N, C-alpha and C. Protein backbone atom coordinates (compact mmCIF):
# COMPACT_ATOMS: atom_id res chain seq x y z
N UNK A 1 0.32 -1.21 0.13
CA UNK A 1 0.21 -0.32 0.16
C UNK A 1 0.67 1.36 0.00
N UNK A 2 0.79 2.59 -1.15
CA UNK A 2 1.27 3.32 -0.57
C UNK A 2 0.94 4.38 0.48
N UNK A 3 1.59 5.59 0.33
CA UNK A 3 0.92 6.90 1.63
C UNK A 3 -0.15 6.99 1.49
N UNK A 4 -0.70 6.62 0.21
CA UNK A 4 -2.59 7.46 0.58
C UNK A 4 -3.49 6.19 0.93
N UNK A 5 -3.00 4.89 1.46
CA UNK A 5 -3.78 4.03 2.21
C UNK A 5 -4.78 3.81 1.83
N UNK A 6 -4.41 3.24 -0.23
CA UNK A 6 -5.22 2.99 -0.65
C UNK A 6 -5.78 1.38 -0.56
N UNK A 7 -6.91 1.29 -0.85
CA UNK A 7 -7.41 -0.46 -0.46
C UNK A 7 -6.98 -0.73 -1.60
N UNK A 8 -6.75 -0.29 -3.05
CA UNK A 8 -6.31 -1.87 -4.54
C UNK A 8 -4.91 -1.03 -4.54
N UNK A 9 -3.99 -1.94 -5.33
CA UNK A 9 -3.03 -1.18 -6.19
C UNK A 9 -3.21 -0.22 -7.54
N UNK A 10 -2.43 0.06 -7.47
CA UNK A 10 -2.77 1.13 -8.87
C UNK A 10 -2.33 0.52 -10.29
N UNK A 11 -1.34 -0.34 -10.30
CA UNK A 11 -1.52 -1.23 -10.99
C UNK A 11 -2.49 -2.70 -11.09
N UNK A 12 -2.76 -2.72 -10.31
CA UNK A 12 -4.29 -3.85 -10.70
C UNK A 12 -5.23 -2.96 -11.00
N UNK A 13 -5.26 -2.13 -10.89
CA UNK A 13 -6.70 -0.68 -11.34
C UNK A 13 -6.52 -0.81 -12.71
N UNK A 14 -5.39 -0.51 -13.34
CA UNK A 14 -5.51 -0.46 -14.43
C UNK A 14 -5.29 -1.11 -15.68
N UNK A 15 -4.71 -2.09 -14.79
CA UNK A 15 -4.65 -3.51 -15.65
C UNK A 15 -6.00 -3.78 -16.51
N UNK A 16 -6.91 -3.59 -16.47
CA UNK A 16 -7.78 -3.42 -17.35
C UNK A 16 -8.26 -2.20 -18.18
N UNK A 17 -8.46 -3.37 -19.20
CA UNK A 17 -8.58 -1.83 -20.44
C UNK A 17 -10.03 -1.16 -20.46
N UNK A 18 -10.85 -1.55 -19.48
CA UNK A 18 -11.82 -0.49 -19.41
C UNK A 18 -12.09 0.07 -18.73
N UNK A 19 -11.20 0.37 -17.18
CA UNK A 19 -10.73 1.47 -16.54
C UNK A 19 -9.58 1.97 -16.70
N UNK A 20 -8.45 1.55 -17.92
CA UNK A 20 -7.90 2.55 -18.67
C UNK A 20 -8.59 3.82 -19.37
N UNK A 21 -9.54 2.88 -19.92
CA UNK A 21 -10.23 3.87 -20.96
C UNK A 21 -11.42 5.00 -19.90
N UNK A 22 -11.45 4.49 -18.80
CA UNK A 22 -12.23 5.74 -17.98
C UNK A 22 -11.73 6.20 -17.33
N UNK A 23 -10.31 5.95 -16.80
CA UNK A 23 -9.31 7.03 -16.63
C UNK A 23 -8.84 7.95 -17.94
N UNK A 24 -9.10 7.58 -18.79
CA UNK A 24 -9.45 9.01 -19.56
C UNK A 24 -10.03 8.97 -20.80
N UNK A 25 -11.34 9.01 -20.15
CA UNK A 25 -12.62 9.78 -20.80
C UNK A 25 -12.59 10.53 -19.34
N UNK A 26 -12.23 10.33 -17.80
CA UNK A 26 -12.63 11.33 -17.13
C UNK A 26 -10.83 12.22 -17.01
N UNK A 27 -10.19 12.05 -17.52
CA UNK A 27 -8.72 12.47 -17.35
C UNK A 27 -9.65 13.95 -18.51
N UNK A 28 -10.12 13.34 -19.36
CA UNK A 28 -10.65 14.25 -20.66
C UNK A 28 -12.05 15.61 -20.23
N UNK A 29 -12.22 15.32 -18.98
CA UNK A 29 -13.61 15.96 -18.62
C UNK A 29 -13.58 16.34 -17.34
N UNK A 30 -13.93 17.50 -16.74
CA UNK A 30 -13.40 18.16 -15.53
C UNK A 30 -14.27 16.61 -14.35
N UNK A 31 -15.83 16.80 -14.46
CA UNK A 31 -16.33 15.62 -13.95
C UNK A 31 -17.74 14.80 -14.64
N UNK A 32 -17.75 13.77 -14.86
CA UNK A 32 -18.49 13.23 -15.54
C UNK A 32 -19.66 12.31 -14.44
N UNK A 33 -20.64 13.04 -14.90
CA UNK A 33 -21.74 11.93 -14.48
C UNK A 33 -22.30 10.08 -14.64
N UNK A 34 -22.71 9.49 -13.59
CA UNK A 34 -22.33 7.88 -14.41
C UNK A 34 -23.05 8.23 -15.73
N UNK A 35 -24.09 7.95 -15.57
CA UNK A 35 -25.19 8.20 -16.88
C UNK A 35 -24.04 8.42 -18.27
N UNK A 36 -23.30 9.49 -18.13
CA UNK A 36 -22.56 9.84 -19.33
C UNK A 36 -21.23 8.72 -19.52
N UNK A 37 -21.00 8.27 -18.65
CA UNK A 37 -19.65 7.14 -18.42
C UNK A 37 -20.12 5.90 -19.12
N UNK A 38 -21.71 6.17 -18.74
CA UNK A 38 -22.22 4.22 -19.36
C UNK A 38 -22.68 4.21 -20.73
N UNK A 39 -22.62 5.60 -20.96
CA UNK A 39 -22.74 5.32 -22.63
C UNK A 39 -21.88 5.13 -23.41
N UNK A 40 -20.66 5.53 -23.03
CA UNK A 40 -19.27 5.39 -23.50
C UNK A 40 -19.31 3.51 -23.72
N UNK A 41 -19.73 2.62 -22.97
CA UNK A 41 -19.33 1.26 -23.00
C UNK A 41 -20.52 0.76 -23.63
N UNK A 42 -20.33 -0.58 -24.26
CA UNK A 42 -21.26 -1.73 -24.36
C UNK A 42 -21.80 -2.63 -22.86
N UNK A 43 -21.65 -1.86 -21.99
CA UNK A 43 -22.30 -2.91 -20.64
C UNK A 43 -23.05 -2.22 -19.89
N UNK A 44 -23.47 -2.49 -19.00
CA UNK A 44 -24.71 -1.89 -18.49
C UNK A 44 -24.24 -1.18 -16.68
N UNK A 45 -25.22 -0.27 -16.86
CA UNK A 45 -24.69 0.57 -15.41
C UNK A 45 -23.66 0.22 -13.96
N UNK A 46 -24.31 -1.21 -13.80
CA UNK A 46 -23.72 -1.75 -12.66
C UNK A 46 -22.30 -2.15 -12.86
N UNK A 47 -21.84 -2.68 -14.43
CA UNK A 47 -20.44 -2.87 -14.76
C UNK A 47 -19.77 -1.96 -14.99
N UNK A 48 -20.26 -0.79 -15.39
CA UNK A 48 -19.38 0.56 -15.14
C UNK A 48 -18.98 1.01 -13.65
N UNK A 49 -20.24 0.75 -12.97
CA UNK A 49 -19.71 0.83 -11.78
C UNK A 49 -19.17 0.13 -10.87
N UNK A 50 -19.08 -0.83 -11.16
CA UNK A 50 -17.73 -1.76 -10.57
C UNK A 50 -16.41 -1.97 -10.44
N UNK A 51 -16.83 -1.31 -12.52
CA UNK A 51 -14.65 -0.71 -12.74
C UNK A 51 -14.75 0.65 -11.85
N UNK A 52 -15.68 1.80 -11.98
CA UNK A 52 -15.35 2.86 -11.35
C UNK A 52 -15.11 2.64 -9.79
N UNK A 53 -15.58 1.60 -8.80
CA UNK A 53 -15.46 1.32 -7.26
C UNK A 53 -13.64 0.56 -7.33
N UNK A 54 -13.62 -0.06 -8.15
CA UNK A 54 -11.56 -0.31 -8.45
C UNK A 54 -10.91 0.95 -8.19
N UNK A 55 -11.02 1.75 -9.25
CA UNK A 55 -10.55 2.61 -9.78
C UNK A 55 -10.73 3.67 -8.19
N UNK A 56 -11.99 3.82 -7.57
CA UNK A 56 -12.18 4.18 -6.22
C UNK A 56 -11.35 3.71 -5.05
N UNK A 57 -11.02 2.53 -5.18
CA UNK A 57 -10.43 1.36 -4.36
C UNK A 57 -8.89 2.16 -4.01
N UNK A 58 -8.19 2.87 -5.92
CA UNK A 58 -7.16 2.41 -5.93
C UNK A 58 -6.00 4.32 -5.57
N UNK A 59 -7.53 4.75 -4.93
CA UNK A 59 -7.02 6.82 -5.20
C UNK A 59 -7.35 7.46 -6.60
N UNK A 60 -7.61 6.64 -7.61
CA UNK A 60 -7.85 7.28 -8.92
C UNK A 60 -9.39 7.96 -9.47
N UNK A 61 -9.83 7.36 -8.41
CA UNK A 61 -11.89 8.25 -8.99
C UNK A 61 -11.50 9.09 -7.41
N UNK A 62 -12.67 10.24 -7.44
CA UNK A 62 -13.58 10.37 -6.71
C UNK A 62 -14.57 10.73 -7.65
N UNK A 63 -15.37 10.68 -6.14
CA UNK A 63 -17.35 10.85 -6.69
C UNK A 63 -17.78 12.09 -6.14
N UNK A 64 -18.50 11.88 -5.77
CA UNK A 64 -19.67 13.45 -4.82
C UNK A 64 -21.30 13.21 -5.78
N UNK A 65 -21.72 12.78 -4.83
CA UNK A 65 -23.15 13.07 -4.98
C UNK A 65 -23.69 14.85 -5.37
N UNK A 66 -25.28 14.74 -6.87
CA UNK A 66 -25.37 15.72 -6.86
C UNK A 66 -26.43 15.26 -6.88
N UNK A 67 -27.66 15.81 -5.83
CA UNK A 67 -29.23 15.32 -5.86
C UNK A 67 -29.17 14.02 -6.15
N UNK A 68 -29.21 13.28 -7.47
CA UNK A 68 -29.65 11.81 -7.23
C UNK A 68 -28.54 11.50 -8.19
N UNK A 69 -27.93 11.98 -8.97
CA UNK A 69 -26.50 12.00 -9.79
C UNK A 69 -25.39 11.97 -9.12
N UNK A 70 -24.13 10.46 -9.13
CA UNK A 70 -23.17 10.48 -9.09
C UNK A 70 -22.27 10.83 -10.06
N UNK A 71 -21.16 11.82 -9.64
CA UNK A 71 -20.25 12.43 -10.82
C UNK A 71 -19.07 12.21 -10.58
N UNK A 72 -18.19 11.67 -11.52
CA UNK A 72 -16.95 11.15 -11.31
C UNK A 72 -16.09 12.24 -11.43
N UNK A 73 -14.71 12.26 -10.61
CA UNK A 73 -13.73 13.00 -11.48
C UNK A 73 -12.40 11.60 -11.12
N UNK A 74 -11.25 12.07 -11.64
CA UNK A 74 -10.03 11.88 -11.82
C UNK A 74 -8.90 12.62 -10.82
N UNK A 75 -8.76 11.31 -10.25
CA UNK A 75 -7.18 12.55 -9.28
C UNK A 75 -5.92 11.28 -9.16
N UNK A 76 -5.25 12.29 -10.40
CA UNK A 76 -4.20 11.43 -11.53
C UNK A 76 -3.06 11.39 -10.12
N UNK A 77 -2.63 11.60 -9.07
CA UNK A 77 -1.31 11.63 -8.53
C UNK A 77 -0.92 10.48 -7.81
N UNK A 78 -2.04 8.65 -7.96
CA UNK A 78 -1.50 7.52 -7.76
C UNK A 78 -0.83 7.50 -9.04
N UNK A 79 -1.52 8.28 -10.24
CA UNK A 79 -0.39 7.28 -11.26
C UNK A 79 1.24 7.51 -11.44
N UNK A 80 1.28 8.70 -10.35
CA UNK A 80 2.52 9.05 -9.98
C UNK A 80 3.33 7.66 -10.36
N UNK A 81 2.80 6.62 -8.74
CA UNK A 81 3.65 5.21 -9.05
C UNK A 81 4.07 4.34 -9.88
N UNK A 82 3.14 4.66 -10.86
CA UNK A 82 3.51 3.96 -12.21
C UNK A 82 4.19 4.31 -13.24
N UNK A 83 4.99 5.75 -13.08
CA UNK A 83 5.12 6.52 -14.36
C UNK A 83 5.94 6.32 -13.27
N UNK A 84 6.99 6.43 -11.76
CA UNK A 84 7.66 6.10 -11.84
C UNK A 84 8.74 4.74 -11.64
N UNK A 85 7.47 4.10 -12.33
CA UNK A 85 8.50 2.63 -12.15
C UNK A 85 8.55 2.08 -13.78
N UNK A 86 7.73 2.94 -14.25
CA UNK A 86 7.93 3.37 -16.02
C UNK A 86 9.30 3.83 -15.97
N UNK A 87 9.54 5.18 -15.56
CA UNK A 87 10.70 5.83 -15.52
C UNK A 87 12.13 4.84 -15.19
N UNK A 88 12.00 4.07 -14.52
CA UNK A 88 12.82 3.06 -13.54
C UNK A 88 13.27 2.51 -15.04
N UNK A 89 12.48 2.11 -15.79
CA UNK A 89 12.95 0.78 -16.69
C UNK A 89 13.54 1.44 -17.87
N UNK A 90 12.95 3.00 -17.79
CA UNK A 90 13.27 3.22 -19.80
C UNK A 90 15.15 3.64 -18.91
N UNK A 91 15.07 4.29 -18.32
CA UNK A 91 16.35 4.32 -17.80
C UNK A 91 17.55 3.45 -17.78
N UNK A 92 16.76 1.90 -17.16
CA UNK A 92 17.58 0.69 -17.20
C UNK A 92 17.18 0.47 -18.62
N UNK A 93 16.72 0.78 -19.45
CA UNK A 93 17.07 -0.15 -21.43
C UNK A 93 17.99 1.29 -21.63
N UNK A 94 17.66 2.45 -21.48
CA UNK A 94 18.65 3.35 -22.13
C UNK A 94 20.30 3.10 -21.82
N UNK A 95 20.49 2.69 -20.50
CA UNK A 95 21.69 2.32 -20.09
C UNK A 95 22.19 0.85 -20.52
N UNK A 96 21.17 0.23 -20.82
CA UNK A 96 21.50 -0.98 -21.62
C UNK A 96 22.10 -0.73 -23.33
N UNK A 97 21.64 0.03 -23.87
CA UNK A 97 21.31 -0.17 -25.22
C UNK A 97 22.86 0.87 -25.03
N UNK A 98 22.99 2.43 -24.67
CA UNK A 98 24.23 2.84 -24.39
C UNK A 98 25.34 1.56 -23.81
N UNK A 99 25.75 0.99 -23.11
CA UNK A 99 26.53 -0.47 -23.22
C UNK A 99 26.70 -0.74 -24.41
N UNK A 100 25.67 -1.27 -25.23
CA UNK A 100 25.60 -1.98 -26.29
C UNK A 100 26.44 -1.82 -26.92
N UNK A 101 25.94 -0.50 -27.55
CA UNK A 101 26.53 0.50 -28.14
C UNK A 101 27.89 0.64 -28.35
N UNK A 102 28.39 0.92 -26.92
CA UNK A 102 30.22 0.92 -26.79
C UNK A 102 30.30 0.25 -27.18
N UNK A 103 29.97 -1.53 -26.78
CA UNK A 103 30.58 -2.68 -27.01
C UNK A 103 31.06 -3.00 -28.78
N UNK A 104 30.07 -2.60 -29.48
CA UNK A 104 29.86 -2.65 -31.02
C UNK A 104 30.35 -1.80 -31.35
N UNK A 105 31.15 -0.53 -31.12
CA UNK A 105 31.46 0.39 -31.81
C UNK A 105 33.29 -0.05 -31.11
N UNK A 106 33.35 -0.74 -30.13
CA UNK A 106 34.92 -1.38 -29.37
C UNK A 106 35.07 -2.26 -30.64
N UNK A 107 34.25 -2.74 -31.04
CA UNK A 107 34.48 -4.46 -31.73
C UNK A 107 34.46 -4.07 -33.30
N UNK A 108 33.77 -3.01 -33.50
CA UNK A 108 35.07 -2.31 -35.01
C UNK A 108 35.93 -1.32 -35.15
N UNK A 109 36.31 -1.33 -34.18
CA UNK A 109 37.88 -1.25 -33.82
C UNK A 109 39.05 -2.02 -34.19
């Protein structure tokens, strides 16, 4: 668990393509009601709600009630964990490619 006391791992939350699409939709809007999100998928409201719950448990989605409607918005801060993980491996591969390039140059000489 991260310092945010998240109930679910961020990597687990983004593993599903539907949840990644929900994140994208929420990133493109300030706040979106559930019925508008549901319209973007070929699944029912309950299925979309379950995906949103998983994203909420990972701290990626915040919601608020406005009358009888629930509106959702993205909280991108937990994505920093993924960015940091990818950055580590990006540096890893860059360094290895540099070493390989140096080795190939040495062999040419």
